[in-house]
Amino acid sequence: MQGSFIAEYNTPMNLTQEMIEENSRAMQIPTHIYVKVATLAFMECLRDMDVLEKAVVDLDVKTIQFISHRMKGTLGNVRLDTYAGLAAQVNDAVKKGESIDNIRELFVQFKVAFETMKGK
């Protein structure tokens, strides 16, 4: 059941009740606190995604590395590990000096996945 549980908290994310309960339990905080913290992290990442996308278009590898690293940490801190892992792939590709085409492809995968987290 996606969306309806979170709708009670008026958050823009599309997470399952199971994910919320599991993550709040792992972080040892009440579910309503987890939802608030995760929502703040998500909103920060929404802003960062715009900056990251511009950096990819502009071929600004320093900004790509910085923003993808920050997003990896932000998403990881709230246990959104799938998304944190995708941000890490972008970050690692830049650190390894991979081609901009590969970095773009990883960014697109990350953005598409991240978009699925948006609620309705």
PDB file of N, CA and C in Angstrom:
ATOM      1  N   MET A   1       0.851  -1.157   0.000  1.00  0.00           N
ATOM      2  CA  MET A   1       0.000   0.000   0.000  1.00  0.00           C
ATOM      3  C   MET A   1       0.908   1.234   0.000  1.00  0.00           C
ATOM      4  N   GLN A   2       1.085   1.847  -1.152  1.00  0.00           N
ATOM      5  CA  GLN A   2       1.933   3.014  -1.247  1.00  0.00           C
ATOM      6  C   GLN A   2       1.105   4.278  -1.162  1.00  0.00           C
ATOM      7  N   GLY A   3       1.711   5.312  -0.620  1.00  0.00           N
ATOM      8  CA  GLY A   3       1.098   6.622  -0.638  1.00  0.00           C
ATOM      9  C   GLY A   3       0.097   6.886   0.478  1.00  0.00           C
ATOM     10  N   SER A   4      -0.852   5.982   0.728  1.00  0.00           N
ATOM     11  CA  SER A   4      -1.928   6.295   1.661  1.00  0.00           C
ATOM     12  C   SER A   4      -1.423   6.469   3.089  1.00  0.00           C
ATOM     13  N   PHE A   5      -0.509   5.639   3.533  1.00  0.00           N
ATOM     14  CA  PHE A   5       0.036   5.776   4.880  1.00  0.00           C
ATOM     15  C   PHE A   5       0.763   7.106   5.021  1.00  0.00           C
ATOM     16  N   ILE A   6       1.578   7.429   4.022  1.00  0.00           N
ATOM     17  CA  ILE A   6       2.327   8.678   4.061  1.00  0.00           C
ATOM     18  C   ILE A   6       1.406   9.869   3.877  1.00  0.00           C
ATOM     19  N   ALA A   7       0.315   9.701   3.172  1.00  0.00           N
ATOM     20  CA  ALA A   7      -0.606  10.814   2.949  1.00  0.00           C
ATOM     21  C   ALA A   7      -1.091  11.396   4.275  1.00  0.00           C
ATOM     22  N   GLU A   8      -1.175  10.550   5.292  1.00  0.00           N
ATOM     23  CA  GLU A   8      -1.568  11.037   6.612  1.00  0.00           C
ATOM     24  C   GLU A   8      -0.598  12.112   7.102  1.00  0.00           C
ATOM     25  N   TYR A   9       0.629  12.037   6.648  1.00  0.00           N
ATOM     26  CA  TYR A   9       1.667  12.959   7.092  1.00  0.00           C
ATOM     27  C   TYR A   9       1.911  14.078   6.092  1.00  0.00           C
ATOM     28  N   ASN A  10       1.162  14.096   4.994  1.00  0.00           N
ATOM     29  CA  ASN A  10       1.279  15.138   3.976  1.00  0.00           C
ATOM     30  C   ASN A  10       2.724  15.290   3.488  1.00  0.00           C
ATOM     31  N   THR A  11       3.278  14.210   2.997  1.00  0.00           N
ATOM     32  CA  THR A  11       4.645  14.225   2.482  1.00  0.00           C
ATOM     33  C   THR A  11       4.635  13.912   0.991  1.00  0.00           C
ATOM     34  N   PRO A  12       5.608  14.422   0.250  1.00  0.00           N
ATOM     35  CA  PRO A  12       5.627  14.221  -1.202  1.00  0.00           C
ATOM     36  C   PRO A  12       6.212  12.883  -1.645  1.00  0.00           C
ATOM     37  N   MET A  13       6.587  12.037  -0.723  1.00  0.00           N
ATOM     38  CA  MET A  13       7.239  10.783  -1.088  1.00  0.00           C
ATOM     39  C   MET A  13       6.251   9.649  -1.278  1.00  0.00           C
ATOM     40  N   ASN A  14       6.679   8.673  -2.033  1.00  0.00           N
ATOM     41  CA  ASN A  14       5.877   7.499  -2.317  1.00  0.00           C
ATOM     42  C   ASN A  14       6.602   6.284  -1.738  1.00  0.00           C
ATOM     43  N   LEU A  15       6.500   6.113  -0.426  1.00  0.00           N
ATOM     44  CA  LEU A  15       7.127   4.988   0.258  1.00  0.00           C
ATOM     45  C   LEU A  15       6.042   4.078   0.825  1.00  0.00           C
ATOM     46  N   THR A  16       6.367   2.827   0.998  1.00  0.00           N
ATOM     47  CA  THR A  16       5.398   1.898   1.563  1.00  0.00           C
ATOM     48  C   THR A  16       5.381   2.012   3.085  1.00  0.00           C
ATOM     49  N   GLN A  17       4.280   1.604   3.659  1.00  0.00           N
ATOM     50  CA  GLN A  17       4.169   1.577   5.114  1.00  0.00           C
ATOM     51  C   GLN A  17       5.251   0.660   5.692  1.00  0.00           C
ATOM     52  N   GLU A  18       5.486  -0.450   5.014  1.00  0.00           N
ATOM     53  CA  GLU A  18       6.515  -1.394   5.473  1.00  0.00           C
ATOM     54  C   GLU A  18       7.894  -0.731   5.511  1.00  0.00           C
ATOM     55  N   MET A  19       8.210   0.036   4.477  1.00  0.00           N
ATOM     56  CA  MET A  19       9.507   0.706   4.422  1.00  0.00           C
ATOM     57  C   MET A  19       9.629   1.736   5.548  1.00  0.00           C
ATOM     58  N   ILE A  20       8.566   2.465   5.776  1.00  0.00           N
ATOM     59  CA  ILE A  20       8.579   3.470   6.843  1.00  0.00           C
ATOM     60  C   ILE A  20       8.780   2.801   8.196  1.00  0.00           C
ATOM     61  N   GLU A  21       8.028   1.749   8.437  1.00  0.00           N
ATOM     62  CA  GLU A  21       8.124   1.065   9.725  1.00  0.00           C
ATOM     63  C   GLU A  21       9.498   0.424   9.912  1.00  0.00           C
ATOM     64  N   GLU A  22      10.005  -0.205   8.858  1.00  0.00           N
ATOM     65  CA  GLU A  22      11.314  -0.850   8.939  1.00  0.00           C
ATOM     66  C   GLU A  22      12.418   0.183   9.197  1.00  0.00           C
ATOM     67  N   ASN A  23      12.378   1.282   8.460  1.00  0.00           N
ATOM     68  CA  ASN A  23      13.419   2.299   8.623  1.00  0.00           C
ATOM     69  C   ASN A  23      13.329   3.010   9.961  1.00  0.00           C
ATOM     70  N   SER A  24      12.122   3.304  10.408  1.00  0.00           N
ATOM     71  CA  SER A  24      11.984   3.969  11.703  1.00  0.00           C
ATOM     72  C   SER A  24      12.432   3.041  12.835  1.00  0.00           C
ATOM     73  N   ARG A  25      12.130   1.757  12.690  1.00  0.00           N
ATOM     74  CA  ARG A  25      12.574   0.778  13.688  1.00  0.00           C
ATOM     75  C   ARG A  25      14.097   0.688  13.703  1.00  0.00           C
ATOM     76  N   ALA A  26      14.709   0.634  12.525  1.00  0.00           N
ATOM     77  CA  ALA A  26      16.170   0.542  12.429  1.00  0.00           C
ATOM     78  C   ALA A  26      16.844   1.793  12.999  1.00  0.00           C
ATOM     79  N   MET A  27      16.199   2.940  12.821  1.00  0.00           N
ATOM     80  CA  MET A  27      16.759   4.187  13.338  1.00  0.00           C
ATOM     81  C   MET A  27      16.338   4.442  14.784  1.00  0.00           C
ATOM     82  N   GLN A  28      15.472   3.579  15.302  1.00  0.00           N
ATOM     83  CA  GLN A  28      14.978   3.650  16.673  1.00  0.00           C
ATOM     84  C   GLN A  28      14.284   4.982  16.961  1.00  0.00           C
ATOM     85  N   ILE A  29      13.403   5.360  16.024  1.00  0.00           N
ATOM     86  CA  ILE A  29      12.603   6.572  16.194  1.00  0.00           C
ATOM     87  C   ILE A  29      11.156   6.254  15.806  1.00  0.00           C
ATOM     88  N   PRO A  30      10.193   6.997  16.346  1.00  0.00           N
ATOM     89  CA  PRO A  30       8.787   6.763  15.973  1.00  0.00           C
ATOM     90  C   PRO A  30       8.567   7.008  14.479  1.00  0.00           C
ATOM     91  N   THR A  31       7.580   6.341  13.932  1.00  0.00           N
ATOM     92  CA  THR A  31       7.332   6.457  12.493  1.00  0.00           C
ATOM     93  C   THR A  31       7.036   7.896  12.073  1.00  0.00           C
ATOM     94  N   HIS A  32       6.284   8.632  12.880  1.00  0.00           N
ATOM     95  CA  HIS A  32       5.961  10.011  12.481  1.00  0.00           C
ATOM     96  C   HIS A  32       7.212  10.895  12.452  1.00  0.00           C
ATOM     97  N   ILE A  33       8.165  10.608  13.308  1.00  0.00           N
ATOM     98  CA  ILE A  33       9.438  11.353  13.287  1.00  0.00           C
ATOM     99  C   ILE A  33      10.247  10.938  12.059  1.00  0.00           C
ATOM    100  N   TYR A  34      10.274   9.635  11.772  1.00  0.00           N
ATOM    101  CA  TYR A  34      10.984   9.178  10.572  1.00  0.00           C
ATOM    102  C   TYR A  34      10.423   9.854   9.320  1.00  0.00           C
ATOM    103  N   VAL A  35       9.102   9.914   9.212  1.00  0.00           N
ATOM    104  CA  VAL A  35       8.485  10.520   8.033  1.00  0.00           C
ATOM    105  C   VAL A  35       8.899  11.984   7.914  1.00  0.00           C
ATOM    106  N   LYS A  36       8.930  12.705   9.022  1.00  0.00           N
ATOM    107  CA  LYS A  36       9.350  14.107   8.979  1.00  0.00           C
ATOM    108  C   LYS A  36      10.805  14.237   8.540  1.00  0.00           C
ATOM    109  N   VAL A  37      11.679  13.427   9.101  1.00  0.00           N
ATOM    110  CA  VAL A  37      13.109  13.484   8.763  1.00  0.00           C
ATOM    111  C   VAL A  37      13.324  13.060   7.309  1.00  0.00           C
ATOM    112  N   ALA A  38      12.666  11.983   6.897  1.00  0.00           N
ATOM    113  CA  ALA A  38      12.808  11.507   5.519  1.00  0.00           C
ATOM    114  C   ALA A  38      12.273  12.535   4.533  1.00  0.00           C
ATOM    115  N   THR A  39      11.189  13.209   4.893  1.00  0.00           N
ATOM    116  CA  THR A  39      10.625  14.238   4.019  1.00  0.00           C
ATOM    117  C   THR A  39      11.594  15.399   3.858  1.00  0.00           C
ATOM    118  N   LEU A  40      12.207  15.827   4.942  1.00  0.00           N
ATOM    119  CA  LEU A  40      13.210  16.900   4.851  1.00  0.00           C
ATOM    120  C   LEU A  40      14.378  16.482   3.962  1.00  0.00           C
ATOM    121  N   ALA A  41      14.831  15.243   4.132  1.00  0.00           N
ATOM    122  CA  ALA A  41      15.932  14.731   3.303  1.00  0.00           C
ATOM    123  C   ALA A  41      15.516  14.688   1.835  1.00  0.00           C
ATOM    124  N   PHE A  42      14.309  14.227   1.595  1.00  0.00           N
ATOM    125  CA  PHE A  42      13.801  14.134   0.232  1.00  0.00           C
ATOM    126  C   PHE A  42      13.715  15.519  -0.417  1.00  0.00           C
ATOM    127  N   MET A  43      13.208  16.504   0.316  1.00  0.00           N
ATOM    128  CA  MET A  43      13.083  17.855  -0.223  1.00  0.00           C
ATOM    129  C   MET A  43      14.456  18.449  -0.539  1.00  0.00           C
ATOM    130  N   GLU A  44      15.415  18.187   0.316  1.00  0.00           N
ATOM    131  CA  GLU A  44      16.788  18.635   0.046  1.00  0.00           C
ATOM    132  C   GLU A  44      17.316  17.979  -1.229  1.00  0.00           C
ATOM    133  N   CYS A  45      17.035  16.709  -1.383  1.00  0.00           N
ATOM    134  CA  CYS A  45      17.501  15.993  -2.574  1.00  0.00           C
ATOM    135  C   CYS A  45      16.776  16.433  -3.840  1.00  0.00           C
ATOM    136  N   LEU A  46      15.527  16.846  -3.718  1.00  0.00           N
ATOM    137  CA  LEU A  46      14.830  17.405  -4.881  1.00  0.00           C
ATOM    138  C   LEU A  46      15.568  18.637  -5.399  1.00  0.00           C
ATOM    139  N   ARG A  47      15.962  19.510  -4.480  1.00  0.00           N
ATOM    140  CA  ARG A  47      16.723  20.704  -4.879  1.00  0.00           C
ATOM    141  C   ARG A  47      18.076  20.301  -5.455  1.00  0.00           C
ATOM    142  N   ASP A  48      18.722  19.344  -4.807  1.00  0.00           N
ATOM    143  CA  ASP A  48      20.035  18.888  -5.284  1.00  0.00           C
ATOM    144  C   ASP A  48      19.944  18.227  -6.655  1.00  0.00           C
ATOM    145  N   MET A  49      18.835  17.548  -6.935  1.00  0.00           N
ATOM    146  CA  MET A  49      18.692  16.877  -8.230  1.00  0.00           C
ATOM    147  C   MET A  49      18.726  17.902  -9.359  1.00  0.00           C
ATOM    148  N   ASP A  50      18.097  19.054  -9.142  1.00  0.00           N
ATOM    149  CA  ASP A  50      18.130  20.111 -10.153  1.00  0.00           C
ATOM    150  C   ASP A  50      19.559  20.613 -10.378  1.00  0.00           C
ATOM    151  N   VAL A  51      20.297  20.796  -9.293  1.00  0.00           N
ATOM    152  CA  VAL A  51      21.689  21.247  -9.385  1.00  0.00           C
ATOM    153  C   VAL A  51      22.535  20.185 -10.075  1.00  0.00           C
ATOM    154  N   LEU A  52      22.305  18.929  -9.715  1.00  0.00           N
ATOM    155  CA  LEU A  52      23.059  17.825 -10.310  1.00  0.00           C
ATOM    156  C   LEU A  52      22.784  17.729 -11.807  1.00  0.00           C
ATOM    157  N   GLU A  53      21.534  17.856 -12.179  1.00  0.00           N
ATOM    158  CA  GLU A  53      21.178  17.781 -13.597  1.00  0.00           C
ATOM    159  C   GLU A  53      21.860  18.898 -14.392  1.00  0.00           C
ATOM    160  N   LYS A  54      21.862  20.097 -13.847  1.00  0.00           N
ATOM    161  CA  LYS A  54      22.535  21.212 -14.524  1.00  0.00           C
ATOM    162  C   LYS A  54      24.029  20.932 -14.638  1.00  0.00           C
ATOM    163  N   ALA A  55      24.624  20.391 -13.596  1.00  0.00           N
ATOM    164  CA  ALA A  55      26.056  20.081 -13.622  1.00  0.00           C
ATOM    165  C   ALA A  55      26.367  19.032 -14.688  1.00  0.00           C
ATOM    166  N   VAL A  56      25.492  18.053 -14.847  1.00  0.00           N
ATOM    167  CA  VAL A  56      25.687  17.023 -15.878  1.00  0.00           C
ATOM    168  C   VAL A  56      25.599  17.661 -17.259  1.00  0.00           C
ATOM    169  N   VAL A  57      24.614  18.513 -17.466  1.00  0.00           N
ATOM    170  CA  VAL A  57      24.459  19.195 -18.755  1.00  0.00           C
ATOM    171  C   VAL A  57      25.679  20.071 -19.045  1.00  0.00           C
ATOM    172  N   ASP A  58      26.166  20.761 -18.011  1.00  0.00           N
ATOM    173  CA  ASP A  58      27.301  21.672 -18.161  1.00  0.00           C
ATOM    174  C   ASP A  58      28.661  20.965 -18.129  1.00  0.00           C
ATOM    175  N   LEU A  59      28.653  19.651 -17.914  1.00  0.00           N
ATOM    176  CA  LEU A  59      29.890  18.856 -17.790  1.00  0.00           C
ATOM    177  C   LEU A  59      30.773  19.350 -16.646  1.00  0.00           C
ATOM    178  N   ASP A  60      30.150  19.780 -15.559  1.00  0.00           N
ATOM    179  CA  ASP A  60      30.848  20.299 -14.381  1.00  0.00           C
ATOM    180  C   ASP A  60      31.106  19.141 -13.414  1.00  0.00           C
ATOM    181  N   VAL A  61      32.195  18.421 -13.639  1.00  0.00           N
ATOM    182  CA  VAL A  61      32.451  17.199 -12.859  1.00  0.00           C
ATOM    183  C   VAL A  61      32.679  17.477 -11.381  1.00  0.00           C
ATOM    184  N   LYS A  62      33.233  18.634 -11.053  1.00  0.00           N
ATOM    185  CA  LYS A  62      33.445  18.960  -9.635  1.00  0.00           C
ATOM    186  C   LYS A  62      32.100  19.055  -8.908  1.00  0.00           C
ATOM    187  N   THR A  63      31.133  19.730  -9.531  1.00  0.00           N
ATOM    188  CA  THR A  63      29.806  19.851  -8.924  1.00  0.00           C
ATOM    189  C   THR A  63      29.077  18.519  -8.940  1.00  0.00           C
ATOM    190  N   ILE A  64      29.223  17.751 -10.007  1.00  0.00           N
ATOM    191  CA  ILE A  64      28.603  16.419 -10.062  1.00  0.00           C
ATOM    192  C   ILE A  64      29.091  15.585  -8.888  1.00  0.00           C
ATOM    193  N   GLN A  65      30.392  15.590  -8.667  1.00  0.00           N
ATOM    194  CA  GLN A  65      30.973  14.795  -7.584  1.00  0.00           C
ATOM    195  C   GLN A  65      30.474  15.292  -6.229  1.00  0.00           C
ATOM    196  N   PHE A  66      30.480  16.594  -6.015  1.00  0.00           N
ATOM    197  CA  PHE A  66      30.078  17.167  -4.732  1.00  0.00           C
ATOM    198  C   PHE A  66      28.604  16.878  -4.426  1.00  0.00           C
ATOM    199  N   ILE A  67      27.734  17.161  -5.383  1.00  0.00           N
ATOM    200  CA  ILE A  67      26.291  17.008  -5.154  1.00  0.00           C
ATOM    201  C   ILE A  67      25.905  15.530  -5.047  1.00  0.00           C
ATOM    202  N   SER A  68      26.460  14.679  -5.898  1.00  0.00           N
ATOM    203  CA  SER A  68      26.119  13.250  -5.814  1.00  0.00           C
ATOM    204  C   SER A  68      26.601  12.664  -4.487  1.00  0.00           C
ATOM    205  N   HIS A  69      27.739  13.135  -3.998  1.00  0.00           N
ATOM    206  CA  HIS A  69      28.244  12.672  -2.696  1.00  0.00           C
ATOM    207  C   HIS A  69      27.297  13.117  -1.576  1.00  0.00           C
ATOM    208  N   ARG A  70      26.859  14.371  -1.645  1.00  0.00           N
ATOM    209  CA  ARG A  70      25.940  14.881  -0.620  1.00  0.00           C
ATOM    210  C   ARG A  70      24.615  14.122  -0.652  1.00  0.00           C
ATOM    211  N   MET A  71      24.107  13.854  -1.854  1.00  0.00           N
ATOM    212  CA  MET A  71      22.846  13.117  -1.969  1.00  0.00           C
ATOM    213  C   MET A  71      22.999  11.690  -1.451  1.00  0.00           C
ATOM    214  N   LYS A  72      24.130  11.080  -1.728  1.00  0.00           N
ATOM    215  CA  LYS A  72      24.395   9.729  -1.213  1.00  0.00           C
ATOM    216  C   LYS A  72      24.282   9.720   0.307  1.00  0.00           C
ATOM    217  N   GLY A  73      24.892  10.698   0.956  1.00  0.00           N
ATOM    218  CA  GLY A  73      24.842  10.769   2.410  1.00  0.00           C
ATOM    219  C   GLY A  73      23.465  11.086   2.940  1.00  0.00           C
ATOM    220  N   THR A  74      22.797  12.042   2.319  1.00  0.00           N
ATOM    221  CA  THR A  74      21.462  12.445   2.761  1.00  0.00           C
ATOM    222  C   THR A  74      20.483  11.280   2.671  1.00  0.00           C
ATOM    223  N   LEU A  75      20.487  10.602   1.534  1.00  0.00           N
ATOM    224  CA  LEU A  75      19.570   9.470   1.341  1.00  0.00           C
ATOM    225  C   LEU A  75      19.957   8.282   2.215  1.00  0.00           C
ATOM    226  N   GLY A  76      21.244   8.063   2.371  1.00  0.00           N
ATOM    227  CA  GLY A  76      21.704   6.967   3.231  1.00  0.00           C
ATOM    228  C   GLY A  76      21.355   7.187   4.689  1.00  0.00           C
ATOM    229  N   ASN A  77      21.413   8.435   5.131  1.00  0.00           N
ATOM    230  CA  ASN A  77      21.102   8.746   6.530  1.00  0.00           C
ATOM    231  C   ASN A  77      19.672   8.391   6.910  1.00  0.00           C
ATOM    232  N   VAL A  78      18.765   8.409   5.941  1.00  0.00           N
ATOM    233  CA  VAL A  78      17.374   8.039   6.222  1.00  0.00           C
ATOM    234  C   VAL A  78      17.055   6.651   5.669  1.00  0.00           C
ATOM    235  N   ARG A  79      18.100   5.901   5.408  1.00  0.00           N
ATOM    236  CA  ARG A  79      18.009   4.496   5.015  1.00  0.00           C
ATOM    237  C   ARG A  79      17.264   4.271   3.692  1.00  0.00           C
ATOM    238  N   LEU A  80      17.348   5.226   2.795  1.00  0.00           N
ATOM    239  CA  LEU A  80      16.806   5.034   1.452  1.00  0.00           C
ATOM    240  C   LEU A  80      17.966   4.533   0.593  1.00  0.00           C
ATOM    241  N   ASP A  81      18.365   3.307   0.916  1.00  0.00           N
ATOM    242  CA  ASP A  81      19.618   2.743   0.424  1.00  0.00           C
ATOM    243  C   ASP A  81      19.674   2.545  -1.088  1.00  0.00           C
ATOM    244  N   THR A  82      18.562   2.215  -1.711  1.00  0.00           N
ATOM    245  CA  THR A  82      18.561   2.046  -3.171  1.00  0.00           C
ATOM    246  C   THR A  82      18.961   3.343  -3.845  1.00  0.00           C
ATOM    247  N   TYR A  83      18.363   4.433  -3.400  1.00  0.00           N
ATOM    248  CA  TYR A  83      18.631   5.738  -3.993  1.00  0.00           C
ATOM    249  C   TYR A  83      20.030   6.228  -3.618  1.00  0.00           C
ATOM    250  N   ALA A  84      20.427   5.987  -2.389  1.00  0.00           N
ATOM    251  CA  ALA A  84      21.787   6.352  -1.966  1.00  0.00           C
ATOM    252  C   ALA A  84      22.819   5.601  -2.798  1.00  0.00           C
ATOM    253  N   GLY A  85      22.537   4.341  -3.108  1.00  0.00           N
ATOM    254  CA  GLY A  85      23.449   3.539  -3.920  1.00  0.00           C
ATOM    255  C   GLY A  85      23.583   4.066  -5.336  1.00  0.00           C
ATOM    256  N   LEU A  86      22.486   4.550  -5.893  1.00  0.00           N
ATOM    257  CA  LEU A  86      22.539   5.127  -7.236  1.00  0.00           C
ATOM    258  C   LEU A  86      23.324   6.437  -7.239  1.00  0.00           C
ATOM    259  N   ALA A  87      23.148   7.245  -6.203  1.00  0.00           N
ATOM    260  CA  ALA A  87      23.940   8.475  -6.078  1.00  0.00           C
ATOM    261  C   ALA A  87      25.415   8.126  -5.935  1.00  0.00           C
ATOM    262  N   ALA A  88      25.703   7.066  -5.192  1.00  0.00           N
ATOM    263  CA  ALA A  88      27.092   6.620  -5.008  1.00  0.00           C
ATOM    264  C   ALA A  88      27.713   6.180  -6.331  1.00  0.00           C
ATOM    265  N   GLN A  89      26.918   5.551  -7.184  1.00  0.00           N
ATOM    266  CA  GLN A  89      27.445   5.131  -8.494  1.00  0.00           C
ATOM    267  C   GLN A  89      27.868   6.335  -9.322  1.00  0.00           C
ATOM    268  N   VAL A  90      27.075   7.392  -9.297  1.00  0.00           N
ATOM    269  CA  VAL A  90      27.435   8.622 -10.015  1.00  0.00           C
ATOM    270  C   VAL A  90      28.715   9.192  -9.413  1.00  0.00           C
ATOM    271  N   ASN A  91      28.737   9.284  -8.099  1.00  0.00           N
ATOM    272  CA  ASN A  91      29.896   9.822  -7.391  1.00  0.00           C
ATOM    273  C   ASN A  91      31.158   9.019  -7.699  1.00  0.00           C
ATOM    274  N   ASP A  92      31.057   7.709  -7.637  1.00  0.00           N
ATOM    275  CA  ASP A  92      32.217   6.846  -7.885  1.00  0.00           C
ATOM    276  C   ASP A  92      32.714   6.965  -9.314  1.00  0.00           C
ATOM    277  N   ALA A  93      31.790   7.097 -10.264  1.00  0.00           N
ATOM    278  CA  ALA A  93      32.180   7.230 -11.673  1.00  0.00           C
ATOM    279  C   ALA A  93      33.011   8.487 -11.886  1.00  0.00           C
ATOM    280  N   VAL A  94      32.608   9.565 -11.235  1.00  0.00           N
ATOM    281  CA  VAL A  94      33.376  10.815 -11.351  1.00  0.00           C
ATOM    282  C   VAL A  94      34.743  10.644 -10.708  1.00  0.00           C
ATOM    283  N   LYS A  95      34.769  10.063  -9.515  1.00  0.00           N
ATOM    284  CA  LYS A  95      36.046   9.883  -8.810  1.00  0.00           C
ATOM    285  C   LYS A  95      37.016   9.004  -9.599  1.00  0.00           C
ATOM    286  N   LYS A  96      36.486   8.032 -10.324  1.00  0.00           N
ATOM    287  CA  LYS A  96      37.323   7.135 -11.121  1.00  0.00           C
ATOM    288  C   LYS A  96      37.713   7.743 -12.469  1.00  0.00           C
ATOM    289  N   GLY A  97      37.157   8.896 -12.788  1.00  0.00           N
ATOM    290  CA  GLY A  97      37.465   9.543 -14.052  1.00  0.00           C
ATOM    291  C   GLY A  97      36.828   8.864 -15.251  1.00  0.00           C
ATOM    292  N   GLU A  98      35.669   8.246 -15.040  1.00  0.00           N
ATOM    293  CA  GLU A  98      34.986   7.573 -16.141  1.00  0.00           C
ATOM    294  C   GLU A  98      34.482   8.594 -17.156  1.00  0.00           C
ATOM    295  N   SER A  99      34.110   8.117 -18.319  1.00  0.00           N
ATOM    296  CA  SER A  99      33.672   9.005 -19.399  1.00  0.00           C
ATOM    297  C   SER A  99      32.407   9.753 -18.998  1.00  0.00           C
ATOM    298  N   ILE A 100      32.255  10.936 -19.559  1.00  0.00           N
ATOM    299  CA  ILE A 100      31.064  11.732 -19.275  1.00  0.00           C
ATOM    300  C   ILE A 100      29.816  11.017 -19.774  1.00  0.00           C
ATOM    301  N   ASP A 101      29.934  10.230 -20.834  1.00  0.00           N
ATOM    302  CA  ASP A 101      28.782   9.461 -21.317  1.00  0.00           C
ATOM    303  C   ASP A 101      28.322   8.459 -20.263  1.00  0.00           C
ATOM    304  N   ASN A 102      29.274   7.799 -19.613  1.00  0.00           N
ATOM    305  CA  ASN A 102      28.931   6.846 -18.559  1.00  0.00           C
ATOM    306  C   ASN A 102      28.330   7.575 -17.355  1.00  0.00           C
ATOM    307  N   ILE A 103      28.906   8.715 -17.011  1.00  0.00           N
ATOM    308  CA  ILE A 103      28.382   9.501 -15.891  1.00  0.00           C
ATOM    309  C   ILE A 103      26.954   9.950 -16.195  1.00  0.00           C
ATOM    310  N   ARG A 104      26.715  10.388 -17.424  1.00  0.00           N
ATOM    311  CA  ARG A 104      25.356  10.798 -17.825  1.00  0.00           C
ATOM    312  C   ARG A 104      24.374   9.632 -17.695  1.00  0.00           C
ATOM    313  N   GLU A 105      24.788   8.459 -18.173  1.00  0.00           N
ATOM    314  CA  GLU A 105      23.917   7.280 -18.115  1.00  0.00           C
ATOM    315  C   GLU A 105      23.583   6.933 -16.659  1.00  0.00           C
ATOM    316  N   LEU A 106      24.573   6.980 -15.789  1.00  0.00           N
ATOM    317  CA  LEU A 106      24.338   6.698 -14.372  1.00  0.00           C
ATOM    318  C   LEU A 106      23.427   7.754 -13.754  1.00  0.00           C
ATOM    319  N   PHE A 107      23.623   9.004 -14.149  1.00  0.00           N
ATOM    320  CA  PHE A 107      22.755  10.073 -13.662  1.00  0.00           C
ATOM    321  C   PHE A 107      21.309   9.826 -14.083  1.00  0.00           C
ATOM    322  N   VAL A 108      21.112   9.468 -15.343  1.00  0.00           N
ATOM    323  CA  VAL A 108      19.752   9.217 -15.845  1.00  0.00           C
ATOM    324  C   VAL A 108      19.100   8.084 -15.057  1.00  0.00           C
ATOM    325  N   GLN A 109      19.842   7.012 -14.801  1.00  0.00           N
ATOM    326  CA  GLN A 109      19.299   5.901 -14.008  1.00  0.00           C
ATOM    327  C   GLN A 109      18.909   6.379 -12.609  1.00  0.00           C
ATOM    328  N   PHE A 110      19.764   7.184 -12.014  1.00  0.00           N
ATOM    329  CA  PHE A 110      19.501   7.717 -10.683  1.00  0.00           C
ATOM    330  C   PHE A 110      18.260   8.610 -10.706  1.00  0.00           C
ATOM    331  N   LYS A 111      18.179   9.507 -11.674  1.00  0.00           N
ATOM    332  CA  LYS A 111      17.051  10.433 -11.738  1.00  0.00           C
ATOM    333  C   LYS A 111      15.735   9.691 -11.962  1.00  0.00           C
ATOM    334  N   VAL A 112      15.721   8.726 -12.862  1.00  0.00           N
ATOM    335  CA  VAL A 112      14.503   7.957 -13.132  1.00  0.00           C
ATOM    336  C   VAL A 112      14.046   7.238 -11.855  1.00  0.00           C
ATOM    337  N   ALA A 113      14.965   6.606 -11.165  1.00  0.00           N
ATOM    338  CA  ALA A 113      14.619   5.908  -9.920  1.00  0.00           C
ATOM    339  C   ALA A 113      14.127   6.897  -8.867  1.00  0.00           C
ATOM    340  N   PHE A 114      14.818   8.019  -8.753  1.00  0.00           N
ATOM    341  CA  PHE A 114      14.448   9.030  -7.768  1.00  0.00           C
ATOM    342  C   PHE A 114      13.045   9.566  -8.042  1.00  0.00           C
ATOM    343  N   GLU A 115      12.713   9.738  -9.310  1.00  0.00           N
ATOM    344  CA  GLU A 115      11.379  10.233  -9.695  1.00  0.00           C
ATOM    345  C   GLU A 115      10.272   9.291  -9.210  1.00  0.00           C
ATOM    346  N   THR A 116      10.577   7.990  -9.123  1.00  0.00           N
ATOM    347  CA  THR A 116       9.564   7.034  -8.668  1.00  0.00           C
ATOM    348  C   THR A 116       9.243   7.222  -7.188  1.00  0.00           C
ATOM    349  N   MET A 117      10.144   7.877  -6.468  1.00  0.00           N
ATOM    350  CA  MET A 117       9.915   8.096  -5.047  1.00  0.00           C
ATOM    351  C   MET A 117       8.931   9.251  -4.814  1.00  0.00           C
ATOM    352  N   LYS A 118       8.741  10.077  -5.842  1.00  0.00           N
ATOM    353  CA  LYS A 118       7.787  11.192  -5.691  1.00  0.00           C
ATOM    354  C   LYS A 118       6.380  10.647  -5.563  1.00  0.00           C
ATOM    355  N   GLY A 119       5.633  11.215  -4.658  1.00  0.00           N
ATOM    356  CA  GLY A 119       4.234  10.843  -4.500  1.00  0.00           C
ATOM    357  C   GLY A 119       3.378  11.526  -5.548  1.00  0.00           C
ATOM    358  N   LYS A 120       2.116  11.296  -5.480  1.00  0.00           N
ATOM    359  CA  LYS A 120       1.190  11.885  -6.451  1.00  0.00           C
ATOM    360  C   LYS A 120       0.725  13.257  -6.017  1.00  0.00           C
TER     361      LYS A 120
END
